[in-house]
């Protein structure tokens, strides 16, 4: 295996990890905002 091929494989793996972590953070943020909006709605209605 050539050194450049190994570097390319490592770069792809790093990009996959960064994408997965970013997606998880984005989904968690959306869940928090949704939960917060739900609490505000209940407070205003109740």
PDB file of N, CA and C in Angstrom:
ATOM      1  N   UNK A   1       0.856  -1.180   0.000  1.00  0.00           N
ATOM      2  CA  UNK A   1       0.000   0.000   0.000  1.00  0.00           C
ATOM      3  C   UNK A   1       0.900   1.241   0.000  1.00  0.00           C
ATOM      4  N   UNK A   2       0.612   2.150  -0.893  1.00  0.00           N
ATOM      5  CA  UNK A   2       1.428   3.362  -0.993  1.00  0.00           C
ATOM      6  C   UNK A   2       1.109   4.305   0.164  1.00  0.00           C
ATOM      7  N   UNK A   3       2.059   5.133   0.536  1.00  0.00           N
ATOM      8  CA  UNK A   3       1.812   6.079   1.639  1.00  0.00           C
ATOM      9  C   UNK A   3       0.645   7.027   1.362  1.00  0.00           C
ATOM     10  N   UNK A   4       0.506   7.460   0.103  1.00  0.00           N
ATOM     11  CA  UNK A   4      -0.593   8.386  -0.219  1.00  0.00           C
ATOM     12  C   UNK A   4      -1.950   7.711  -0.079  1.00  0.00           C
ATOM     13  N   UNK A   5      -2.014   6.436  -0.413  1.00  0.00           N
ATOM     14  CA  UNK A   5      -3.279   5.721  -0.267  1.00  0.00           C
ATOM     15  C   UNK A   5      -3.654   5.597   1.211  1.00  0.00           C
ATOM     16  N   UNK A   6      -2.648   5.347   2.049  1.00  0.00           N
ATOM     17  CA  UNK A   6      -2.895   5.246   3.484  1.00  0.00           C
ATOM     18  C   UNK A   6      -3.356   6.599   4.044  1.00  0.00           C
ATOM     19  N   UNK A   7      -2.707   7.678   3.610  1.00  0.00           N
ATOM     20  CA  UNK A   7      -3.101   9.023   4.062  1.00  0.00           C
ATOM     21  C   UNK A   7      -4.530   9.321   3.624  1.00  0.00           C
ATOM     22  N   UNK A   8      -4.854   8.932   2.399  1.00  0.00           N
ATOM     23  CA  UNK A   8      -6.211   9.168   1.887  1.00  0.00           C
ATOM     24  C   UNK A   8      -7.246   8.396   2.705  1.00  0.00           C
ATOM     25  N   UNK A   9      -6.950   7.152   3.051  1.00  0.00           N
ATOM     26  CA  UNK A   9      -7.868   6.355   3.865  1.00  0.00           C
ATOM     27  C   UNK A   9      -8.080   6.989   5.230  1.00  0.00           C
ATOM     28  N   UNK A  10      -6.997   7.447   5.838  1.00  0.00           N
ATOM     29  CA  UNK A  10      -7.107   8.086   7.155  1.00  0.00           C
ATOM     30  C   UNK A  10      -7.929   9.365   7.056  1.00  0.00           C
ATOM     31  N   UNK A  11      -7.708  10.150   5.997  1.00  0.00           N
ATOM     32  CA  UNK A  11      -8.468  11.390   5.804  1.00  0.00           C
ATOM     33  C   UNK A  11      -9.956  11.106   5.647  1.00  0.00           C
ATOM     34  N   UNK A  12     -10.287  10.069   4.901  1.00  0.00           N
ATOM     35  CA  UNK A  12     -11.698   9.710   4.716  1.00  0.00           C
ATOM     36  C   UNK A  12     -12.313   9.295   6.046  1.00  0.00           C
ATOM     37  N   UNK A  13     -11.584   8.509   6.834  1.00  0.00           N
ATOM     38  CA  UNK A  13     -12.098   8.090   8.132  1.00  0.00           C
ATOM     39  C   UNK A  13     -12.305   9.281   9.058  1.00  0.00           C
ATOM     40  N   UNK A  14     -11.379  10.235   9.037  1.00  0.00           N
ATOM     41  CA  UNK A  14     -11.531  11.437   9.857  1.00  0.00           C
ATOM     42  C   UNK A  14     -12.756  12.228   9.421  1.00  0.00           C
ATOM     43  N   UNK A  15     -12.955  12.364   8.106  1.00  0.00           N
ATOM     44  CA  UNK A  15     -14.135  13.090   7.608  1.00  0.00           C
ATOM     45  C   UNK A  15     -15.432  12.412   8.026  1.00  0.00           C
ATOM     46  N   UNK A  16     -15.449  11.087   8.000  1.00  0.00           N
ATOM     47  CA  UNK A  16     -16.646  10.350   8.421  1.00  0.00           C
ATOM     48  C   UNK A  16     -16.928  10.610   9.894  1.00  0.00           C
ATOM     49  N   UNK A  17     -15.887  10.594  10.717  1.00  0.00           N
ATOM     50  CA  UNK A  17     -16.070  10.834  12.153  1.00  0.00           C
ATOM     51  C   UNK A  17     -16.550  12.259  12.401  1.00  0.00           C
ATOM     52  N   UNK A  18     -15.937  13.232  11.718  1.00  0.00           N
ATOM     53  CA  UNK A  18     -16.356  14.631  11.888  1.00  0.00           C
ATOM     54  C   UNK A  18     -17.807  14.806  11.460  1.00  0.00           C
ATOM     55  N   UNK A  19     -18.197  14.178  10.364  1.00  0.00           N
ATOM     56  CA  UNK A  19     -19.585  14.271   9.895  1.00  0.00           C
ATOM     57  C   UNK A  19     -20.533  13.671  10.919  1.00  0.00           C
ATOM     58  N   UNK A  20     -20.192  12.501  11.455  1.00  0.00           N
ATOM     59  CA  UNK A  20     -21.069  11.834  12.419  1.00  0.00           C
ATOM     60  C   UNK A  20     -21.223  12.659  13.694  1.00  0.00           C
ATOM     61  N   UNK A  21     -20.132  13.205  14.187  1.00  0.00           N
ATOM     62  CA  UNK A  21     -20.199  14.021  15.407  1.00  0.00           C
ATOM     63  C   UNK A  21     -21.002  15.295  15.150  1.00  0.00           C
ATOM     64  N   UNK A  22     -20.792  15.918  14.007  1.00  0.00           N
ATOM     65  CA  UNK A  22     -21.543  17.133  13.672  1.00  0.00           C
ATOM     66  C   UNK A  22     -23.029  16.837  13.547  1.00  0.00           C
ATOM     67  N   UNK A  23     -23.367  15.733  12.914  1.00  0.00           N
ATOM     68  CA  UNK A  23     -24.774  15.354  12.772  1.00  0.00           C
ATOM     69  C   UNK A  23     -25.404  15.093  14.139  1.00  0.00           C
ATOM     70  N   UNK A  24     -24.696  14.399  15.002  1.00  0.00           N
ATOM     71  CA  UNK A  24     -25.216  14.123  16.342  1.00  0.00           C
ATOM     72  C   UNK A  24     -25.437  15.418  17.118  1.00  0.00           C
ATOM     73  N   UNK A  25     -24.492  16.345  17.027  1.00  0.00           N
ATOM     74  CA  UNK A  25     -24.635  17.628  17.725  1.00  0.00           C
ATOM     75  C   UNK A  25     -25.818  18.413  17.168  1.00  0.00           C
ATOM     76  N   UNK A  26     -25.980  18.402  15.848  1.00  0.00           N
ATOM     77  CA  UNK A  26     -27.099  19.108  15.221  1.00  0.00           C
ATOM     78  C   UNK A  26     -28.439  18.531  15.678  1.00  0.00           C
ATOM     79  N   UNK A  27     -28.539  17.207  15.687  1.00  0.00           N
ATOM     80  CA  UNK A  27     -29.795  16.575  16.101  1.00  0.00           C
ATOM     81  C   UNK A  27     -30.085  16.834  17.576  1.00  0.00           C
ATOM     82  N   UNK A  28     -29.065  16.822  18.408  1.00  0.00           N
ATOM     83  CA  UNK A  28     -29.251  17.109  19.832  1.00  0.00           C
ATOM     84  C   UNK A  28     -29.730  18.551  20.029  1.00  0.00           C
ATOM     85  N   UNK A  29     -29.145  19.488  19.285  1.00  0.00           N
ATOM     86  CA  UNK A  29     -29.567  20.882  19.371  1.00  0.00           C
ATOM     87  C   UNK A  29     -31.028  21.032  18.968  1.00  0.00           C
ATOM     88  N   UNK A  30     -31.411  20.352  17.872  1.00  0.00           N
ATOM     89  CA  UNK A  30     -32.815  20.427  17.426  1.00  0.00           C
ATOM     90  C   UNK A  30     -33.755  19.860  18.470  1.00  0.00           C
ATOM     91  N   UNK A  31     -33.344  18.750  19.113  1.00  0.00           N
ATOM     92  CA  UNK A  31     -34.180  18.139  20.144  1.00  0.00           C
ATOM     93  C   UNK A  31     -34.342  19.084  21.327  1.00  0.00           C
ATOM     94  N   UNK A  32     -33.257  19.733  21.735  1.00  0.00           N
ATOM     95  CA  UNK A  32     -33.316  20.677  22.853  1.00  0.00           C
ATOM     96  C   UNK A  32     -34.233  21.843  22.535  1.00  0.00           C
ATOM     97  N   UNK A  33     -34.100  22.400  21.337  1.00  0.00           N
ATOM     98  CA  UNK A  33     -34.938  23.540  20.954  1.00  0.00           C
ATOM     99  C   UNK A  33     -36.402  23.123  20.917  1.00  0.00           C
ATOM    100  N   UNK A  34     -36.685  21.956  20.391  1.00  0.00           N
ATOM    101  CA  UNK A  34     -38.060  21.473  20.331  1.00  0.00           C
ATOM    102  C   UNK A  34     -38.627  21.288  21.733  1.00  0.00           C
ATOM    103  N   UNK A  35     -37.821  20.702  22.614  1.00  0.00           N
ATOM    104  CA  UNK A  35     -38.263  20.494  23.990  1.00  0.00           C
ATOM    105  C   UNK A  35     -38.497  21.840  24.688  1.00  0.00           C
ATOM    106  N   UNK A  36     -37.605  22.790  24.449  1.00  0.00           N
ATOM    107  CA  UNK A  36     -37.741  24.114  25.045  1.00  0.00           C
ATOM    108  C   UNK A  36     -39.025  24.797  24.559  1.00  0.00           C
ATOM    109  N   UNK A  37     -39.293  24.710  23.264  1.00  0.00           N
ATOM    110  CA  UNK A  37     -40.500  25.323  22.713  1.00  0.00           C
ATOM    111  C   UNK A  37     -41.751  24.672  23.301  1.00  0.00           C
ATOM    112  N   UNK A  38     -41.699  23.363  23.498  1.00  0.00           N
ATOM    113  CA  UNK A  38     -42.826  22.647  24.086  1.00  0.00           C
ATOM    114  C   UNK A  38     -43.072  23.140  25.516  1.00  0.00           C
ATOM    115  N   UNK A  39     -42.010  23.324  26.277  1.00  0.00           N
ATOM    116  CA  UNK A  39     -42.150  23.809  27.650  1.00  0.00           C
ATOM    117  C   UNK A  39     -42.699  25.227  27.682  1.00  0.00           C
ATOM    118  N   UNK A  40     -42.239  26.079  26.780  1.00  0.00           N
ATOM    119  CA  UNK A  40     -42.733  27.459  26.725  1.00  0.00           C
ATOM    120  C   UNK A  40     -44.219  27.455  26.370  1.00  0.00           C
ATOM    121  N   UNK A  41     -44.597  26.632  25.413  1.00  0.00           N
ATOM    122  CA  UNK A  41     -46.018  26.555  25.014  1.00  0.00           C
ATOM    123  C   UNK A  41     -46.880  26.110  26.190  1.00  0.00           C
ATOM    124  N   UNK A  42     -46.438  25.081  26.901  1.00  0.00           N
ATOM    125  CA  UNK A  42     -47.224  24.606  28.061  1.00  0.00           C
ATOM    126  C   UNK A  42     -47.314  25.676  29.139  1.00  0.00           C
ATOM    127  N   UNK A  43     -46.205  26.402  29.359  1.00  0.00           N
ATOM    128  CA  UNK A  43     -46.209  27.460  30.365  1.00  0.00           C
ATOM    129  C   UNK A  43     -47.206  28.550  29.980  1.00  0.00           C
ATOM    130  N   UNK A  44     -47.190  28.954  28.734  1.00  0.00           N
ATOM    131  CA  UNK A  44     -48.086  30.024  28.300  1.00  0.00           C
ATOM    132  C   UNK A  44     -49.546  29.589  28.299  1.00  0.00           C
ATOM    133  N   UNK A  45     -49.806  28.319  28.002  1.00  0.00           N
ATOM    134  CA  UNK A  45     -51.182  27.836  27.979  1.00  0.00           C
ATOM    135  C   UNK A  45     -51.693  27.491  29.369  1.00  0.00           C
ATOM    136  N   UNK A  46     -50.789  27.099  30.255  1.00  0.00           N
ATOM    137  CA  UNK A  46     -51.208  26.598  31.562  1.00  0.00           C
ATOM    138  C   UNK A  46     -51.171  27.665  32.591  1.00  0.00           C
TER     139      UNK A  46
END
